[in-house]
C-alpha atoms as a PDB file:
ATOM      1  CA  MET A   1      66.574  49.678 288.781  1.00  0.00           C
ATOM      2  CA  PRO A   2      69.780  49.789 291.199  1.00  0.00           C
ATOM      3  CA  ARG A   3      70.930  46.624 292.539  1.00  0.00           C
ATOM      4  CA  GLU A   4      70.517  45.565 295.959  1.00  0.00           C
ATOM      5  CA  TYR A   5      73.530  43.082 297.955  1.00  0.00           C
ATOM      6  CA  SER A   6      72.995  40.004 299.456  1.00  0.00           C
ATOM      7  CA  ALA A   7      73.724  39.734 303.689  1.00  0.00           C
ATOM      8  CA  ASP A   8      76.850  37.859 302.272  1.00  0.00           C
ATOM      9  CA  GLU A   9      77.984  40.853 300.400  1.00  0.00           C
ATOM     10  CA  LEU A  10      77.678  43.550 302.677  1.00  0.00           C
ATOM     11  CA  LEU A  11      80.938  45.500 303.560  1.00  0.00           C
ATOM     12  CA  PRO A  12      81.863  47.373 306.726  1.00  0.00           C
ATOM     13  CA  LEU A  13      80.168  50.436 306.925  1.00  0.00           C
ATOM     14  CA  SER A  14      83.171  51.839 308.820  1.00  0.00           C
ATOM     15  CA  GLY A  15      85.663  51.243 306.204  1.00  0.00           C
ATOM     16  CA  ILE A  16      84.136  53.920 303.751  1.00  0.00           C
ATOM     17  CA  GLN A  17      86.397  56.272 306.105  1.00  0.00           C
ATOM     18  CA  HIS A  18      89.422  54.512 304.921  1.00  0.00           C
ATOM     19  CA  PHE A  19      88.405  54.191 301.933  1.00  0.00           C
ATOM     20  CA  LEU A  20      87.977  58.114 300.914  1.00  0.00           C
ATOM     21  CA  PHE A  21      91.257  58.569 303.033  1.00  0.00           C
ATOM     22  CA  CYS A  22      93.315  56.433 301.087  1.00  0.00           C
ATOM     23  CA  ARG A  23      92.496  53.197 298.906  1.00  0.00           C
ATOM     24  CA  ARG A  24      95.276  51.456 299.596  1.00  0.00           C
ATOM     25  CA  GLN A  25      95.118  51.502 303.148  1.00  0.00           C
ATOM     26  CA  TRP A  26      91.142  50.375 302.831  1.00  0.00           C
ATOM     27  CA  ALA A  27      92.621  47.619 300.869  1.00  0.00           C
ATOM     28  CA  LEU A  28      95.170  46.159 302.988  1.00  0.00           C
ATOM     29  CA  ILE A  29      92.804  46.129 305.732  1.00  0.00           C
ATOM     30  CA  HIS A  30      89.507  44.763 303.747  1.00  0.00           C
ATOM     31  CA  VAL A  31      91.152  43.041 300.922  1.00  0.00           C
ATOM     32  CA  GLU A  32      94.212  41.591 302.422  1.00  0.00           C
ATOM     33  CA  MET A  33      93.181  41.132 306.014  1.00  0.00           C
ATOM     34  CA  GLN A  34      96.032  43.137 307.365  1.00  0.00           C
ATOM     35  CA  TRP A  35      96.013  45.296 310.615  1.00  0.00           C
ATOM     36  CA  LYS A  36      97.887  46.719 312.698  1.00  0.00           C
ATOM     37  CA  GLU A  37      97.817  49.369 315.794  1.00  0.00           C
ATOM     38  CA  ASN A  38      99.037  52.826 316.556  1.00  0.00           C
ATOM     39  CA  VAL A  39      98.597  55.078 319.381  1.00  0.00           C
ATOM     40  CA  LEU A  40      95.885  56.812 317.077  1.00  0.00           C
ATOM     41  CA  THR A  41      93.558  53.951 316.607  1.00  0.00           C
ATOM     42  CA  ALA A  42      94.545  52.240 320.444  1.00  0.00           C
ATOM     43  CA  GLU A  43      92.818  56.148 321.432  1.00  0.00           C
ATOM     44  CA  GLY A  44      90.200  55.536 318.888  1.00  0.00           C
ATOM     45  CA  ARG A  45      89.184  52.554 320.354  1.00  0.00           C
ATOM     46  CA  LEU A  46      89.761  53.031 323.955  1.00  0.00           C
ATOM     47  CA  MET A  47      86.941  55.789 323.213  1.00  0.00           C
ATOM     48  CA  HIS A  48      84.813  53.892 321.454  1.00  0.00           C
ATOM     49  CA  GLN A  49      84.773  50.922 324.083  1.00  0.00           C
ATOM     50  CA  ARG A  50      83.625  53.487 326.538  1.00  0.00           C
ATOM     51  CA  VAL A  51      81.021  54.785 324.642  1.00  0.00           C
ATOM     52  CA  ASP A  52      79.297  51.330 323.057  1.00  0.00           C
ATOM     53  CA  ASP A  53      76.688  50.125 325.017  1.00  0.00           C
ATOM     54  CA  PRO A  54      74.334  47.983 323.081  1.00  0.00           C
ATOM     55  CA  PHE A  55      71.989  47.621 326.732  1.00  0.00           C
ATOM     56  CA  PHE A  56      72.393  51.475 327.414  1.00  0.00           C
ATOM     57  CA  THR A  57      68.989  53.232 326.598  1.00  0.00           C
ATOM     58  CA  GLU A  58      68.227  57.057 328.382  1.00  0.00           C
ATOM     59  CA  VAL A  59      66.184  59.348 328.013  1.00  0.00           C
ATOM     60  CA  ARG A  60      67.018  63.409 328.537  1.00  0.00           C
ATOM     61  CA  ASN A  61      64.901  65.837 327.896  1.00  0.00           C
ATOM     62  CA  GLY A  62      62.392  64.125 325.637  1.00  0.00           C
ATOM     63  CA  VAL A  63      64.987  62.975 323.387  1.00  0.00           C
ATOM     64  CA  ILE A  64      65.848  58.691 323.591  1.00  0.00           C
ATOM     65  CA  LEU A  65      69.305  57.826 323.405  1.00  0.00           C
ATOM     66  CA  ALA A  66      70.472  54.425 322.052  1.00  0.00           C
ATOM     67  CA  ARG A  67      73.662  53.401 322.087  1.00  0.00           C
ATOM     68  CA  SER A  68      75.904  50.778 319.521  1.00  0.00           C
ATOM     69  CA  VAL A  69      72.682  50.159 317.233  1.00  0.00           C
ATOM     70  CA  PRO A  70      73.055  47.571 314.421  1.00  0.00           C
ATOM     71  CA  ILE A  71      72.060  49.364 311.097  1.00  0.00           C
ATOM     72  CA  ALA A  72      72.793  48.100 307.621  1.00  0.00           C
ATOM     73  CA  SER A  73      71.835  49.180 303.902  1.00  0.00           C
ATOM     74  CA  TYR A  74      71.237  46.453 301.002  1.00  0.00           C
ATOM     75  CA  ARG A  75      71.393  49.235 298.439  1.00  0.00           C
ATOM     76  CA  LEU A  76      74.386  50.262 299.675  1.00  0.00           C
ATOM     77  CA  GLY A  77      75.746  47.330 300.301  1.00  0.00           C
ATOM     78  CA  LEU A  78      77.328  48.417 304.116  1.00  0.00           C
ATOM     79  CA  SER A  79      76.389  47.438 307.603  1.00  0.00           C
ATOM     80  CA  GLY A  80      78.107  48.352 310.761  1.00  0.00           C
ATOM     81  CA  ILE A  81      77.140  50.117 314.430  1.00  0.00           C
ATOM     82  CA  CYS A  82      76.317  53.410 314.802  1.00  0.00           C
ATOM     83  CA  ASP A  83      77.788  54.457 318.127  1.00  0.00           C
ATOM     84  CA  ALA A  84      74.818  56.087 319.019  1.00  0.00           C
ATOM     85  CA  VAL A  85      71.202  57.379 317.571  1.00  0.00           C
ATOM     86  CA  GLU A  86      69.124  60.169 319.023  1.00  0.00           C
ATOM     87  CA  PHE A  87      65.232  59.339 318.648  1.00  0.00           C
ATOM     88  CA  THR A  88      63.477  62.884 318.902  1.00  0.00           C
ATOM     89  CA  SER A  89      59.696  63.306 318.752  1.00  0.00           C
ATOM     90  CA  SER A  90      58.643  64.677 315.692  1.00  0.00           C
ATOM     91  CA  PRO A  91      55.711  63.814 312.879  1.00  0.00           C
ATOM     92  CA  GLU A  92      57.918  62.625 310.126  1.00  0.00           C
ATOM     93  CA  GLY A  93      59.585  60.011 312.765  1.00  0.00           C
ATOM     94  CA  VAL A  94      58.512  56.415 313.486  1.00  0.00           C
ATOM     95  CA  LYS A  95      56.921  54.868 316.122  1.00  0.00           C
ATOM     96  CA  ILE A  96      58.797  53.381 319.130  1.00  0.00           C
ATOM     97  CA  PRO A  97      57.335  50.195 320.840  1.00  0.00           C
ATOM     98  CA  GLY A  98      55.652  51.074 324.308  1.00  0.00           C
ATOM     99  CA  ARG A  99      55.797  55.025 323.768  1.00  0.00           C
ATOM    100  CA  GLU A 100      53.539  57.341 322.289  1.00  0.00           C
ATOM    101  CA  GLY A 101      54.206  59.584 319.347  1.00  0.00           C
ATOM    102  CA  LYS A 102      56.760  59.351 316.473  1.00  0.00           C
ATOM    103  CA  TYR A 103      60.317  59.830 316.733  1.00  0.00           C
ATOM    104  CA  LEU A 104      62.999  60.604 314.238  1.00  0.00           C
ATOM    105  CA  PRO A 105      66.222  58.789 314.680  1.00  0.00           C
ATOM    106  CA  ILE A 106      69.666  61.123 314.676  1.00  0.00           C
ATOM    107  CA  PRO A 107      73.197  58.838 314.286  1.00  0.00           C
ATOM    108  CA  VAL A 108      75.617  60.741 316.873  1.00  0.00           C
ATOM    109  CA  GLU A 109      79.329  59.416 315.706  1.00  0.00           C
ATOM    110  CA  TYR A 110      82.069  59.835 318.238  1.00  0.00           C
ATOM    111  CA  LYS A 111      85.756  60.728 317.080  1.00  0.00           C
ATOM    112  CA  ARG A 112      88.982  60.602 318.784  1.00  0.00           C
ATOM    113  CA  GLY A 113      90.366  63.840 317.460  1.00  0.00           C
ATOM    114  CA  ARG A 114      89.191  66.885 316.108  1.00  0.00           C
ATOM    115  CA  PRO A 115      87.815  68.000 313.123  1.00  0.00           C
ATOM    116  CA  LYS A 116      89.225  66.850 309.715  1.00  0.00           C
ATOM    117  CA  SER A 117      89.626  69.300 306.268  1.00  0.00           C
ATOM    118  CA  ASP A 118      88.304  66.330 304.440  1.00  0.00           C
ATOM    119  CA  PRO A 119      84.933  64.932 304.514  1.00  0.00           C
ATOM    120  CA  VAL A 120      85.987  61.124 305.625  1.00  0.00           C
ATOM    121  CA  ASP A 121      83.668  61.959 308.938  1.00  0.00           C
ATOM    122  CA  GLU A 122      80.889  62.935 307.311  1.00  0.00           C
ATOM    123  CA  VAL A 123      80.826  60.099 304.682  1.00  0.00           C
ATOM    124  CA  GLN A 124      80.722  57.718 307.898  1.00  0.00           C
ATOM    125  CA  LEU A 125      77.762  59.629 309.122  1.00  0.00           C
ATOM    126  CA  CYS A 126      75.946  60.150 306.418  1.00  0.00           C
ATOM    127  CA  ALA A 127      76.400  56.652 305.404  1.00  0.00           C
ATOM    128  CA  GLN A 128      74.990  55.534 308.681  1.00  0.00           C
ATOM    129  CA  ALA A 129      71.603  58.095 308.108  1.00  0.00           C
ATOM    130  CA  MET A 130      71.209  56.176 304.735  1.00  0.00           C
ATOM    131  CA  CYS A 131      71.182  52.823 306.728  1.00  0.00           C
ATOM    132  CA  LEU A 132      68.215  54.069 309.003  1.00  0.00           C
ATOM    133  CA  GLU A 133      66.369  55.587 306.445  1.00  0.00           C
ATOM    134  CA  GLU A 134      66.522  52.563 304.438  1.00  0.00           C
ATOM    135  CA  MET A 135      65.304  50.471 307.343  1.00  0.00           C
ATOM    136  CA  LEU A 136      63.293  52.637 308.858  1.00  0.00           C
ATOM    137  CA  SER A 137      61.672  54.234 305.994  1.00  0.00           C
ATOM    138  CA  VAL A 138      62.274  57.650 307.218  1.00  0.00           C
ATOM    139  CA  SER A 139      64.096  61.298 305.693  1.00  0.00           C
ATOM    140  CA  ILE A 140      67.132  61.994 308.011  1.00  0.00           C
ATOM    141  CA  PRO A 141      68.569  65.487 307.540  1.00  0.00           C
ATOM    142  CA  ALA A 142      71.346  66.288 309.470  1.00  0.00           C
ATOM    143  CA  GLY A 143      73.499  63.676 312.267  1.00  0.00           C
ATOM    144  CA  TYR A 144      76.268  64.874 314.684  1.00  0.00           C
ATOM    145  CA  LEU A 145      80.123  64.114 314.924  1.00  0.00           C
ATOM    146  CA  TYR A 146      81.501  64.338 318.578  1.00  0.00           C
ATOM    147  CA  TYR A 147      85.123  64.987 318.674  1.00  0.00           C
ATOM    148  CA  GLY A 148      86.882  63.959 321.906  1.00  0.00           C
ATOM    149  CA  GLU A 149      89.846  66.008 321.958  1.00  0.00           C
ATOM    150  CA  THR A 150      87.600  69.233 321.667  1.00  0.00           C
ATOM    151  CA  ARG A 151      84.575  67.808 323.349  1.00  0.00           C
ATOM    152  CA  HIS A 152      82.270  69.006 321.141  1.00  0.00           C
ATOM    153  CA  ARG A 153      79.850  67.934 318.819  1.00  0.00           C
ATOM    154  CA  THR A 154      78.660  69.110 315.225  1.00  0.00           C
ATOM    155  CA  ALA A 155      75.700  69.401 313.054  1.00  0.00           C
ATOM    156  CA  VAL A 156      76.314  67.764 309.821  1.00  0.00           C
ATOM    157  CA  ASN A 157      74.407  68.565 307.260  1.00  0.00           C
ATOM    158  CA  LEU A 158      73.267  65.355 305.030  1.00  0.00           C
ATOM    159  CA  GLY A 159      72.676  66.800 301.871  1.00  0.00           C
ATOM    160  CA  ASN A 160      72.465  65.382 298.059  1.00  0.00           C
ATOM    161  CA  GLU A 161      76.422  65.685 297.480  1.00  0.00           C
ATOM    162  CA  LEU A 162      77.287  64.109 300.677  1.00  0.00           C
ATOM    163  CA  ARG A 163      74.961  61.382 299.719  1.00  0.00           C
ATOM    164  CA  GLU A 164      76.274  60.913 296.148  1.00  0.00           C
ATOM    165  CA  LEU A 165      79.618  60.678 297.533  1.00  0.00           C
ATOM    166  CA  VAL A 166      78.755  57.703 299.902  1.00  0.00           C
ATOM    167  CA  GLN A 167      76.823  55.801 297.009  1.00  0.00           C
ATOM    168  CA  LYS A 168      80.244  56.645 294.725  1.00  0.00           C
ATOM    169  CA  MET A 169      82.569  55.279 297.574  1.00  0.00           C
ATOM    170  CA  ALA A 170      80.094  52.341 298.116  1.00  0.00           C
ATOM    171  CA  GLY A 171      80.404  51.246 294.636  1.00  0.00           C
ATOM    172  CA  GLU A 172      84.253  51.512 294.607  1.00  0.00           C
ATOM    173  CA  MET A 173      84.368  49.250 297.567  1.00  0.00           C
ATOM    174  CA  HIS A 174      82.904  46.258 296.036  1.00  0.00           C
ATOM    175  CA  ALA A 175      84.274  46.772 292.867  1.00  0.00           C
ATOM    176  CA  TYR A 176      87.535  46.641 294.391  1.00  0.00           C
ATOM    177  CA  PHE A 177      87.005  43.979 296.792  1.00  0.00           C
ATOM    178  CA  GLU A 178      85.296  42.191 293.742  1.00  0.00           C
ATOM    179  CA  ARG A 179      88.312  42.103 292.034  1.00  0.00           C
ATOM    180  CA  GLY A 180      90.571  41.625 295.220  1.00  0.00           C
ATOM    181  CA  TYR A 181      92.139  44.530 294.229  1.00  0.00           C
ATOM    182  CA  THR A 182      94.609  46.777 296.122  1.00  0.00           C
ATOM    183  CA  PRO A 183      95.944  49.635 294.717  1.00  0.00           C
ATOM    184  CA  LYS A 184      99.541  51.394 294.437  1.00  0.00           C
ATOM    185  CA  VAL A 185     100.380  53.885 297.209  1.00  0.00           C
ATOM    186  CA  LYS A 186     100.102  57.460 296.658  1.00  0.00           C
ATOM    187  CA  PRO A 187     102.621  58.865 299.090  1.00  0.00           C
ATOM    188  CA  SER A 188     101.260  61.756 300.943  1.00  0.00           C
ATOM    189  CA  LYS A 189     101.881  63.234 304.541  1.00  0.00           C
ATOM    190  CA  ALA A 190      99.061  61.547 305.717  1.00  0.00           C
ATOM    191  CA  CYS A 191     101.022  58.305 305.314  1.00  0.00           C
ATOM    192  CA  ARG A 192     103.199  59.290 308.513  1.00  0.00           C
ATOM    193  CA  SER A 193      99.849  59.152 311.377  1.00  0.00           C
ATOM    194  CA  CYS A 194      98.545  55.504 309.108  1.00  0.00           C
ATOM    195  CA  SER A 195      99.069  52.496 311.457  1.00  0.00           C
ATOM    196  CA  LEU A 196      99.589  50.402 308.283  1.00  0.00           C
ATOM    197  CA  ILE A 197     102.203  52.354 307.126  1.00  0.00           C
ATOM    198  CA  ASP A 198     104.917  49.470 308.191  1.00  0.00           C
ATOM    199  CA  ILE A 199     102.905  47.076 306.012  1.00  0.00           C
ATOM    200  CA  CYS A 200     102.093  49.657 303.123  1.00  0.00           C
ATOM    201  CA  LEU A 201     105.779  50.685 302.913  1.00  0.00           C
ATOM    202  CA  PRO A 202     104.995  53.443 301.210  1.00  0.00           C
ATOM    203  CA  ASN A 203     108.539  54.935 300.299  1.00  0.00           C
ATOM    204  CA  VAL A 204     109.687  51.525 298.903  1.00  0.00           C
ATOM    205  CA  GLN A 205     106.364  51.179 296.874  1.00  0.00           C
ATOM    206  CA  GLU A 206     106.718  54.563 295.107  1.00  0.00           C
ATOM    207  CA  LYS A 207     110.646  53.273 293.701  1.00  0.00           C
ATOM    208  CA  ALA A 208     108.853  50.113 292.929  1.00  0.00           C
ATOM    209  CA  THR A 209     109.517  49.373 288.828  1.00  0.00           C
ATOM    210  CA  SER A 210     107.613  46.529 286.990  1.00  0.00           C
ATOM    211  CA  VAL A 211     109.996  43.602 286.230  1.00  0.00           C
ATOM    212  CA  ALA A 212     109.702  44.878 282.371  1.00  0.00           C
ATOM    213  CA  ASN A 213     111.277  48.379 283.376  1.00  0.00           C
ATOM    214  CA  TYR A 214     114.033  46.569 285.372  1.00  0.00           C
ATOM    215  CA  ILE A 215     114.779  44.573 282.689  1.00  0.00           C
ATOM    216  CA  ARG A 216     115.097  47.000 280.055  1.00  0.00           C
ATOM    217  CA  GLU A 217     117.339  49.709 282.449  1.00  0.00           C
ATOM    218  CA  TRP A 218     119.765  46.577 282.689  1.00  0.00           C
ATOM    219  CA  VAL A 219     119.687  46.310 278.767  1.00  0.00           C
ATOM    220  CA  GLU A 220     120.159  50.107 277.920  1.00  0.00           C
ATOM    221  CA  ARG A 221     122.836  50.530 280.251  1.00  0.00           C
ATOM    222  CA  ASP A 222     125.230  47.457 278.489  1.00  0.00           C
END
């Protein structure tokens, strides 16, 4: 039987996109508790401040919209906040107090920029859906990603491949966290947009050598 985590062991769900983007970036934030903001993270934070309102609920064309929804999964060991959850009338959904019928929850994640070439945003969205599924005992086949730069939202199919990636990333995050492990840097073009570049020092780290190698090199010189 798969392990279930305790409430004290839950890791921030939002970190899963950092982990997939760069495991060292994730470890600097969540293992070493380091953070530095740049213009990209500041713009994203301001966008979420405008979106997140835990007291906001709206009904539009029969769809109930709730913002800043707390979520958790003890199977994944993750907890966080959904930017928005749309509840659509469906016999496969759940009952909502004070309303007739059943409603299927669909997570909506807001992003500052535009769609990316890697699945970091899709993984975060899928993790949110898996939390809602565990909390509400429903199946959620799809979610939405809204990008501020394109002002457009995209439907994301939450298939098995994406779900397996979420489970794999969540398991690795817990393994790294339990070890207190910060991996070595793997420099790439993405380092230039990382807000932690001055803490990570990828160019310095890449040239770093072990003490044993340093001594051996000096001995061989003599």
